[in-house]
N, C-alpha and C. Protein backbone atom coordinates (compact mmCIF):
# COMPACT_ATOMS: atom_id res chain seq x y z
N MET A 1 68.62 -66.07 93.61
CA MET A 1 68.22 -64.77 94.00
C MET A 1 68.34 -63.84 92.80
N LEU A 2 67.39 -63.07 92.70
CA LEU A 2 67.36 -62.14 91.58
C LEU A 2 68.11 -60.89 91.93
N LYS A 3 68.83 -60.47 90.95
CA LYS A 3 69.58 -59.25 91.14
C LYS A 3 68.76 -58.08 90.62
N THR A 4 68.74 -57.01 91.31
CA THR A 4 68.03 -55.82 90.84
C THR A 4 68.99 -55.00 89.99
N VAL A 5 68.45 -54.54 88.92
CA VAL A 5 69.27 -53.76 88.00
C VAL A 5 69.21 -52.31 88.44
N GLN A 6 70.34 -51.74 88.56
CA GLN A 6 70.41 -50.34 88.95
C GLN A 6 70.17 -49.46 87.72
N PRO A 7 69.34 -48.47 87.86
CA PRO A 7 69.18 -47.55 86.72
C PRO A 7 70.48 -46.80 86.48
N PRO A 8 70.71 -46.42 85.27
CA PRO A 8 71.97 -45.74 84.97
C PRO A 8 72.05 -44.37 85.64
N PHE A 9 70.87 -43.79 85.93
CA PHE A 9 70.88 -42.49 86.58
C PHE A 9 70.43 -42.65 88.01
N SER A 10 70.94 -41.82 88.80
CA SER A 10 70.52 -41.88 90.20
C SER A 10 69.15 -41.26 90.35
N HIS A 11 68.50 -41.55 91.42
CA HIS A 11 67.16 -41.05 91.67
C HIS A 11 67.15 -39.52 91.74
N LYS A 12 68.16 -38.98 92.30
CA LYS A 12 68.26 -37.53 92.44
C LYS A 12 68.38 -36.86 91.06
N TYR A 13 69.19 -37.45 90.21
CA TYR A 13 69.38 -36.90 88.85
C TYR A 13 68.09 -37.03 88.05
N TYR A 14 67.44 -38.16 88.20
CA TYR A 14 66.18 -38.39 87.50
C TYR A 14 65.14 -37.38 87.94
N LYS A 15 65.06 -37.10 89.22
CA LYS A 15 64.12 -36.13 89.77
C LYS A 15 64.41 -34.74 89.21
N SER A 16 65.66 -34.37 89.08
CA SER A 16 65.99 -33.05 88.55
C SER A 16 65.61 -32.95 87.07
N LEU A 17 65.76 -34.04 86.35
CA LEU A 17 65.33 -34.05 84.94
C LEU A 17 63.83 -33.87 84.83
N GLU A 18 63.12 -34.51 85.73
CA GLU A 18 61.66 -34.42 85.69
C GLU A 18 61.20 -33.00 85.96
N THR A 19 61.80 -32.35 86.92
CA THR A 19 61.41 -30.98 87.23
C THR A 19 61.82 -30.03 86.11
N PHE A 20 62.91 -30.33 85.45
CA PHE A 20 63.37 -29.47 84.35
C PHE A 20 62.46 -29.61 83.13
N SER A 21 61.99 -30.83 82.86
CA SER A 21 61.22 -31.06 81.65
C SER A 21 59.76 -30.64 81.79
N THR A 22 59.23 -30.58 82.97
CA THR A 22 57.83 -30.16 83.14
C THR A 22 57.81 -28.76 83.73
N PRO A 23 56.93 -27.90 83.22
CA PRO A 23 56.89 -26.53 83.74
C PRO A 23 56.38 -26.52 85.19
N PRO A 24 56.79 -25.54 85.91
CA PRO A 24 56.32 -25.48 87.30
C PRO A 24 54.82 -25.23 87.37
N MET A 25 54.22 -25.69 88.38
CA MET A 25 52.77 -25.59 88.53
C MET A 25 52.34 -24.24 89.07
N ASN A 26 53.27 -23.41 89.45
CA ASN A 26 52.89 -22.14 90.07
C ASN A 26 52.75 -21.00 89.07
N ILE A 27 52.41 -21.29 87.79
CA ILE A 27 52.16 -20.22 86.83
C ILE A 27 50.87 -19.55 87.27
N SER A 28 50.95 -18.27 87.43
CA SER A 28 49.79 -17.55 87.95
C SER A 28 48.75 -17.39 86.86
N HIS A 29 47.56 -17.06 87.29
CA HIS A 29 46.46 -16.82 86.37
C HIS A 29 46.78 -15.63 85.48
N LYS A 30 47.42 -14.63 86.06
CA LYS A 30 47.79 -13.42 85.32
C LYS A 30 48.77 -13.77 84.20
N ASN A 31 49.75 -14.58 84.54
CA ASN A 31 50.73 -14.99 83.55
C ASN A 31 50.06 -15.79 82.43
N ASN A 32 49.16 -16.66 82.81
CA ASN A 32 48.44 -17.48 81.84
C ASN A 32 47.59 -16.59 80.93
N LYS A 33 46.97 -15.55 81.55
CA LYS A 33 46.13 -14.63 80.79
C LYS A 33 46.98 -13.85 79.80
N SER A 34 48.15 -13.37 80.22
CA SER A 34 49.01 -12.61 79.31
C SER A 34 49.50 -13.52 78.17
N PHE A 35 49.76 -14.76 78.49
CA PHE A 35 50.17 -15.72 77.46
C PHE A 35 49.06 -15.91 76.44
N LYS A 36 47.82 -15.96 76.92
CA LYS A 36 46.67 -16.10 76.04
C LYS A 36 46.54 -14.87 75.15
N LYS A 37 46.74 -13.67 75.73
CA LYS A 37 46.69 -12.44 74.96
C LYS A 37 47.75 -12.45 73.87
N PHE A 38 48.90 -12.92 74.22
CA PHE A 38 49.99 -12.94 73.26
C PHE A 38 49.69 -13.89 72.10
N SER A 39 49.06 -15.00 72.39
CA SER A 39 48.83 -16.00 71.35
C SER A 39 47.65 -15.66 70.45
N THR A 40 46.66 -14.90 70.92
CA THR A 40 45.52 -14.51 70.07
C THR A 40 45.46 -13.00 70.01
N PRO A 41 45.35 -12.42 68.81
CA PRO A 41 45.33 -10.96 68.71
C PRO A 41 44.03 -10.38 69.27
N PRO A 42 44.06 -9.14 69.71
CA PRO A 42 42.84 -8.52 70.21
C PRO A 42 41.81 -8.40 69.09
N MET A 43 40.56 -8.20 69.45
CA MET A 43 39.47 -8.20 68.48
C MET A 43 39.57 -7.05 67.49
N ASN A 44 40.02 -5.88 67.91
CA ASN A 44 40.06 -4.75 66.98
C ASN A 44 41.11 -4.99 65.89
N ILE A 45 42.22 -5.63 66.23
CA ILE A 45 43.23 -5.94 65.22
C ILE A 45 42.69 -6.99 64.26
N SER A 46 42.08 -8.02 64.82
CA SER A 46 41.58 -9.08 63.95
C SER A 46 40.46 -8.56 63.06
N HIS A 47 39.62 -7.63 63.57
CA HIS A 47 38.53 -7.08 62.76
C HIS A 47 39.11 -6.32 61.56
N LYS A 48 40.14 -5.51 61.85
CA LYS A 48 40.80 -4.78 60.75
C LYS A 48 41.43 -5.77 59.77
N TYR A 49 42.03 -6.81 60.33
CA TYR A 49 42.69 -7.80 59.49
C TYR A 49 41.68 -8.49 58.58
N TYR A 50 40.54 -8.90 59.18
CA TYR A 50 39.52 -9.58 58.37
C TYR A 50 38.90 -8.63 57.36
N LYS A 51 38.77 -7.35 57.73
CA LYS A 51 38.25 -6.36 56.79
C LYS A 51 39.21 -6.23 55.61
N SER A 52 40.51 -6.17 55.91
CA SER A 52 41.48 -6.09 54.81
C SER A 52 41.46 -7.36 53.98
N LEU A 53 41.19 -8.49 54.63
CA LEU A 53 41.07 -9.73 53.88
C LEU A 53 39.90 -9.68 52.91
N LYS A 54 38.77 -9.08 53.36
CA LYS A 54 37.61 -8.95 52.48
C LYS A 54 37.96 -8.07 51.29
N ILE A 55 38.69 -6.98 51.54
CA ILE A 55 39.11 -6.09 50.45
C ILE A 55 40.03 -6.85 49.50
N GLN A 56 40.95 -7.60 50.07
CA GLN A 56 41.87 -8.37 49.23
C GLN A 56 41.11 -9.39 48.39
N HIS A 57 40.09 -10.01 48.96
CA HIS A 57 39.30 -11.00 48.22
C HIS A 57 38.54 -10.33 47.08
N ALA A 58 37.97 -9.14 47.36
CA ALA A 58 37.26 -8.40 46.31
C ALA A 58 38.23 -8.01 45.20
N THR A 59 39.41 -7.56 45.59
CA THR A 59 40.43 -7.20 44.59
C THR A 59 40.82 -8.43 43.78
N TYR A 60 40.96 -9.56 44.47
CA TYR A 60 41.29 -10.82 43.80
C TYR A 60 40.21 -11.20 42.79
N GLU A 61 38.93 -11.07 43.20
CA GLU A 61 37.83 -11.39 42.27
C GLU A 61 37.83 -10.43 41.09
N HIS A 62 38.10 -9.15 41.35
CA HIS A 62 38.15 -8.17 40.26
C HIS A 62 39.29 -8.51 39.29
N LEU A 63 40.44 -8.87 39.85
CA LEU A 63 41.57 -9.27 38.99
C LEU A 63 41.22 -10.51 38.18
N LEU A 64 40.51 -11.45 38.80
CA LEU A 64 40.08 -12.64 38.05
C LEU A 64 39.18 -12.26 36.88
N GLN A 65 38.26 -11.31 37.11
CA GLN A 65 37.39 -10.87 36.02
C GLN A 65 38.20 -10.22 34.90
N ILE A 66 39.16 -9.37 35.29
CA ILE A 66 40.01 -8.72 34.28
C ILE A 66 40.79 -9.77 33.49
N LEU A 67 41.34 -10.75 34.21
CA LEU A 67 42.10 -11.81 33.53
C LEU A 67 41.20 -12.63 32.62
N GLN A 68 39.96 -12.85 33.06
CA GLN A 68 39.00 -13.60 32.24
C GLN A 68 38.74 -12.85 30.93
N VAL A 69 38.55 -11.53 31.04
CA VAL A 69 38.33 -10.71 29.83
C VAL A 69 39.56 -10.77 28.94
N ALA A 70 40.75 -10.66 29.56
CA ALA A 70 41.99 -10.71 28.78
C ALA A 70 42.13 -12.06 28.08
N GLN A 71 41.78 -13.14 28.78
CA GLN A 71 41.86 -14.46 28.17
C GLN A 71 40.87 -14.60 27.02
N GLU A 72 39.66 -14.02 27.19
CA GLU A 72 38.67 -14.08 26.11
C GLU A 72 39.16 -13.28 24.90
N ILE A 73 39.78 -12.11 25.16
CA ILE A 73 40.34 -11.31 24.05
C ILE A 73 41.45 -12.09 23.36
N GLN A 74 42.33 -12.70 24.15
CA GLN A 74 43.42 -13.48 23.57
C GLN A 74 42.86 -14.64 22.75
N HIS A 75 41.82 -15.30 23.27
CA HIS A 75 41.23 -16.44 22.56
C HIS A 75 40.60 -15.97 21.26
N ALA A 76 39.88 -14.82 21.31
CA ALA A 76 39.27 -14.28 20.09
C ALA A 76 40.34 -13.89 19.08
N THR A 77 41.42 -13.28 19.57
CA THR A 77 42.53 -12.91 18.68
C THR A 77 43.14 -14.16 18.08
N TYR A 78 43.30 -15.20 18.91
CA TYR A 78 43.86 -16.46 18.43
C TYR A 78 42.97 -17.07 17.35
N GLU A 79 41.65 -17.08 17.59
CA GLU A 79 40.73 -17.63 16.59
C GLU A 79 40.75 -16.79 15.32
N HIS A 80 40.85 -15.46 15.46
CA HIS A 80 40.90 -14.58 14.29
C HIS A 80 42.19 -14.85 13.50
N LEU A 81 43.30 -15.02 14.21
CA LEU A 81 44.55 -15.34 13.54
C LEU A 81 44.46 -16.68 12.83
N LEU A 82 43.80 -17.64 13.45
CA LEU A 82 43.62 -18.94 12.80
C LEU A 82 42.83 -18.79 11.51
N GLN A 83 41.78 -17.94 11.53
CA GLN A 83 40.99 -17.72 10.32
C GLN A 83 41.85 -17.06 9.24
N ILE A 84 42.65 -16.06 9.64
CA ILE A 84 43.52 -15.38 8.67
C ILE A 84 44.51 -16.38 8.07
N ILE A 85 45.11 -17.20 8.94
CA ILE A 85 46.07 -18.20 8.46
C ILE A 85 45.38 -19.19 7.53
N GLN A 86 44.14 -19.57 7.86
CA GLN A 86 43.38 -20.49 7.01
C GLN A 86 43.17 -19.87 5.63
N VAL A 87 42.80 -18.58 5.60
CA VAL A 87 42.58 -17.89 4.31
C VAL A 87 43.89 -17.84 3.53
N VAL A 88 44.99 -17.51 4.23
CA VAL A 88 46.29 -17.44 3.56
C VAL A 88 46.67 -18.81 3.00
N GLN A 89 46.42 -19.86 3.78
CA GLN A 89 46.74 -21.21 3.31
C GLN A 89 45.89 -21.57 2.10
N GLU A 90 44.60 -21.17 2.11
CA GLU A 90 43.75 -21.46 0.96
C GLU A 90 44.24 -20.70 -0.27
N ILE A 91 44.65 -19.43 -0.08
CA ILE A 91 45.18 -18.64 -1.21
C ILE A 91 46.46 -19.30 -1.73
N GLN A 92 47.33 -19.70 -0.81
CA GLN A 92 48.57 -20.35 -1.22
C GLN A 92 48.28 -21.64 -1.97
N HIS A 93 47.29 -22.40 -1.49
CA HIS A 93 46.96 -23.66 -2.14
C HIS A 93 46.40 -23.40 -3.54
N ALA A 94 45.51 -22.39 -3.65
CA ALA A 94 44.94 -22.05 -4.95
C ALA A 94 46.04 -21.57 -5.90
N THR A 95 46.95 -20.74 -5.38
CA THR A 95 48.07 -20.26 -6.20
C THR A 95 48.94 -21.43 -6.63
N TYR A 96 49.17 -22.36 -5.71
CA TYR A 96 49.98 -23.54 -6.03
C TYR A 96 49.32 -24.37 -7.12
N GLU A 97 47.99 -24.57 -6.99
CA GLU A 97 47.28 -25.34 -8.02
C GLU A 97 47.31 -24.61 -9.36
N HIS A 98 47.16 -23.27 -9.33
CA HIS A 98 47.19 -22.49 -10.56
C HIS A 98 48.58 -22.57 -11.20
N LEU A 99 49.62 -22.48 -10.36
CA LEU A 99 50.98 -22.61 -10.88
C LEU A 99 51.21 -23.98 -11.49
N GLN A 100 50.64 -25.01 -10.87
CA GLN A 100 50.78 -26.35 -11.44
C GLN A 100 50.12 -26.42 -12.81
N GLN A 101 48.94 -25.78 -12.96
CA GLN A 101 48.28 -25.77 -14.26
C GLN A 101 49.13 -25.02 -15.28
N ILE A 102 49.68 -23.87 -14.88
CA ILE A 102 50.54 -23.10 -15.79
C ILE A 102 51.75 -23.93 -16.20
N LEU A 103 52.38 -24.59 -15.22
CA LEU A 103 53.54 -25.42 -15.54
C LEU A 103 53.16 -26.59 -16.43
N GLN A 104 51.97 -27.14 -16.20
CA GLN A 104 51.49 -28.25 -17.04
C GLN A 104 51.35 -27.78 -18.48
N VAL A 105 50.76 -26.59 -18.67
CA VAL A 105 50.60 -26.03 -20.03
C VAL A 105 51.98 -25.79 -20.65
N ALA A 106 52.90 -25.22 -19.86
CA ALA A 106 54.25 -24.96 -20.37
C ALA A 106 54.93 -26.26 -20.76
N GLN A 107 54.76 -27.30 -19.95
CA GLN A 107 55.36 -28.59 -20.28
C GLN A 107 54.75 -29.17 -21.55
N GLU A 108 53.43 -29.00 -21.70
CA GLU A 108 52.77 -29.50 -22.92
C GLU A 108 53.28 -28.75 -24.15
N ILE A 109 53.46 -27.42 -24.02
CA ILE A 109 53.99 -26.62 -25.14
C ILE A 109 55.41 -27.09 -25.47
N GLN A 110 56.22 -27.26 -24.43
CA GLN A 110 57.59 -27.72 -24.66
C GLN A 110 57.60 -29.10 -25.33
N HIS A 111 56.72 -29.97 -24.86
CA HIS A 111 56.67 -31.32 -25.43
C HIS A 111 56.22 -31.27 -26.89
N ALA A 112 55.20 -30.44 -27.18
CA ALA A 112 54.73 -30.31 -28.56
C ALA A 112 55.83 -29.72 -29.44
N THR A 113 56.54 -28.72 -28.92
CA THR A 113 57.65 -28.12 -29.68
C THR A 113 58.73 -29.16 -29.91
N TYR A 114 59.02 -29.94 -28.89
CA TYR A 114 60.04 -30.98 -29.02
C TYR A 114 59.62 -32.01 -30.06
N GLU A 115 58.32 -32.38 -30.04
CA GLU A 115 57.85 -33.36 -31.03
C GLU A 115 57.92 -32.80 -32.45
N HIS A 116 57.64 -31.50 -32.61
CA HIS A 116 57.65 -30.90 -33.95
C HIS A 116 59.03 -30.40 -34.36
N LEU A 117 59.99 -30.46 -33.47
CA LEU A 117 61.33 -29.97 -33.78
C LEU A 117 61.95 -30.70 -34.98
N PRO A 118 61.86 -32.02 -35.06
CA PRO A 118 62.42 -32.68 -36.26
C PRO A 118 61.76 -32.19 -37.55
N GLN A 119 60.45 -31.97 -37.50
CA GLN A 119 59.76 -31.47 -38.70
C GLN A 119 60.25 -30.07 -39.05
N ILE A 120 60.40 -29.23 -38.01
CA ILE A 120 60.87 -27.85 -38.24
C ILE A 120 62.28 -27.90 -38.83
N LEU A 121 63.14 -28.73 -38.26
CA LEU A 121 64.51 -28.85 -38.77
C LEU A 121 64.52 -29.40 -40.20
N GLN A 122 63.59 -30.30 -40.48
CA GLN A 122 63.49 -30.86 -41.83
C GLN A 122 63.14 -29.75 -42.82
N VAL A 123 62.19 -28.89 -42.45
CA VAL A 123 61.79 -27.78 -43.33
C VAL A 123 62.96 -26.83 -43.53
N VAL A 124 63.68 -26.52 -42.45
CA VAL A 124 64.84 -25.62 -42.55
C VAL A 124 65.90 -26.23 -43.46
N GLN A 125 66.15 -27.51 -43.27
CA GLN A 125 67.15 -28.18 -44.11
C GLN A 125 66.73 -28.18 -45.58
N GLU A 126 65.44 -28.44 -45.82
CA GLU A 126 64.95 -28.43 -47.20
C GLU A 126 65.09 -27.03 -47.81
N PHE A 127 64.78 -26.00 -47.00
CA PHE A 127 64.91 -24.63 -47.50
C PHE A 127 66.38 -24.32 -47.82
N GLN A 128 67.28 -24.74 -46.91
CA GLN A 128 68.70 -24.51 -47.15
C GLN A 128 69.17 -25.26 -48.40
N HIS A 129 68.71 -26.50 -48.55
CA HIS A 129 69.12 -27.30 -49.71
C HIS A 129 68.60 -26.67 -50.99
N ALA A 130 67.32 -26.22 -50.96
CA ALA A 130 66.74 -25.59 -52.15
C ALA A 130 67.49 -24.31 -52.48
N THR A 131 67.82 -23.55 -51.44
CA THR A 131 68.57 -22.31 -51.66
C THR A 131 69.94 -22.64 -52.25
N TYR A 132 70.58 -23.69 -51.73
CA TYR A 132 71.90 -24.08 -52.22
C TYR A 132 71.82 -24.54 -53.68
N GLU A 133 70.75 -25.31 -54.00
CA GLU A 133 70.60 -25.78 -55.38
C GLU A 133 70.33 -24.62 -56.34
N HIS A 134 69.57 -23.64 -55.89
CA HIS A 134 69.21 -22.53 -56.76
C HIS A 134 70.23 -21.40 -56.70
N LEU A 135 71.25 -21.53 -55.86
CA LEU A 135 72.23 -20.47 -55.72
C LEU A 135 72.92 -20.12 -57.04
N PRO A 136 73.36 -21.11 -57.85
CA PRO A 136 73.97 -20.72 -59.13
C PRO A 136 73.01 -19.94 -60.01
N GLN A 137 71.74 -20.34 -60.01
CA GLN A 137 70.76 -19.62 -60.82
C GLN A 137 70.56 -18.20 -60.29
N ILE A 138 70.50 -18.10 -58.93
CA ILE A 138 70.31 -16.78 -58.31
C ILE A 138 71.51 -15.89 -58.64
N LEU A 139 72.72 -16.46 -58.56
CA LEU A 139 73.92 -15.69 -58.88
C LEU A 139 73.95 -15.30 -60.36
N GLN A 140 73.49 -16.20 -61.21
CA GLN A 140 73.43 -15.91 -62.64
C GLN A 140 72.50 -14.74 -62.89
N VAL A 141 71.34 -14.74 -62.25
CA VAL A 141 70.37 -13.65 -62.42
C VAL A 141 70.98 -12.36 -61.90
N ALA A 142 71.65 -12.42 -60.74
CA ALA A 142 72.26 -11.22 -60.17
C ALA A 142 73.33 -10.67 -61.10
N GLN A 143 74.13 -11.54 -61.71
CA GLN A 143 75.16 -11.09 -62.65
C GLN A 143 74.52 -10.46 -63.89
N GLU A 144 73.44 -11.05 -64.35
CA GLU A 144 72.75 -10.50 -65.53
C GLU A 144 72.19 -9.12 -65.22
N ILE A 145 71.64 -8.97 -63.99
CA ILE A 145 71.10 -7.66 -63.59
C ILE A 145 72.23 -6.65 -63.52
N GLN A 146 73.36 -7.05 -62.93
CA GLN A 146 74.50 -6.13 -62.85
C GLN A 146 75.01 -5.76 -64.25
N HIS A 147 75.09 -6.77 -65.13
CA HIS A 147 75.59 -6.52 -66.48
C HIS A 147 74.64 -5.59 -67.23
N ALA A 148 73.33 -5.82 -67.08
CA ALA A 148 72.35 -4.97 -67.75
C ALA A 148 72.43 -3.56 -67.20
N THR A 149 72.60 -3.46 -65.91
CA THR A 149 72.70 -2.14 -65.29
C THR A 149 73.96 -1.44 -65.80
N TYR A 150 75.04 -2.19 -65.91
CA TYR A 150 76.30 -1.63 -66.39
C TYR A 150 76.16 -1.14 -67.83
N GLU A 151 75.52 -1.95 -68.70
CA GLU A 151 75.33 -1.57 -70.10
C GLU A 151 74.42 -0.34 -70.18
N HIS A 152 73.41 -0.34 -69.36
CA HIS A 152 72.47 0.78 -69.36
C HIS A 152 73.19 2.06 -68.92
N LEU A 153 74.07 1.94 -67.92
CA LEU A 153 74.84 3.09 -67.46
C LEU A 153 75.79 3.57 -68.57
N ALA A 154 76.38 2.63 -69.29
CA ALA A 154 77.31 3.00 -70.37
C ALA A 154 76.57 3.74 -71.48
N GLN A 155 75.37 3.29 -71.82
CA GLN A 155 74.57 3.96 -72.85
C GLN A 155 74.20 5.36 -72.38
N MET A 156 73.88 5.48 -71.12
CA MET A 156 73.48 6.78 -70.59
C MET A 156 74.67 7.74 -70.62
N LEU A 157 75.86 7.21 -70.36
CA LEU A 157 77.04 8.06 -70.37
C LEU A 157 77.39 8.49 -71.80
N HIS A 158 77.14 7.63 -72.80
CA HIS A 158 77.39 7.97 -74.20
C HIS A 158 76.43 9.03 -74.68
N VAL A 159 75.28 9.00 -74.22
CA VAL A 159 74.25 9.94 -74.65
C VAL A 159 74.62 11.33 -74.16
N VAL A 160 75.16 11.41 -73.07
CA VAL A 160 75.45 12.71 -72.48
C VAL A 160 76.61 13.33 -73.09
């Protein structure tokens, strides 16, 4: 024999749950109509609302146009700045190349001077050596000039 399983809830409790969970059927037409009014706004409010929406959309489109112009100005300014920067970079590059040429010339002058330095020192040394060799003769001449000047002064003093 099969045993019947008893539901955990009694029939009475189940019935009360059913009535609680489903709305009563005696909602009047008037109540339903007021509920409908509450859920959808009247036409005059919605007309004003849609009119304001049209104004907002026009304002939005106008703002988009203004922003488009601003973006075009910014883009033109950006391109102009790029051109200025390009010119500055070209000037800097030309200046850099010119400086390299100047430095190259300076290095060549320094190198030529360095190469000729031994010759210059040789000439200086030869001049010093010649001066040193001729120094006794130069001193002899200077002494003779002084002696002649002294004798000449002595004669002049005797005459007076």
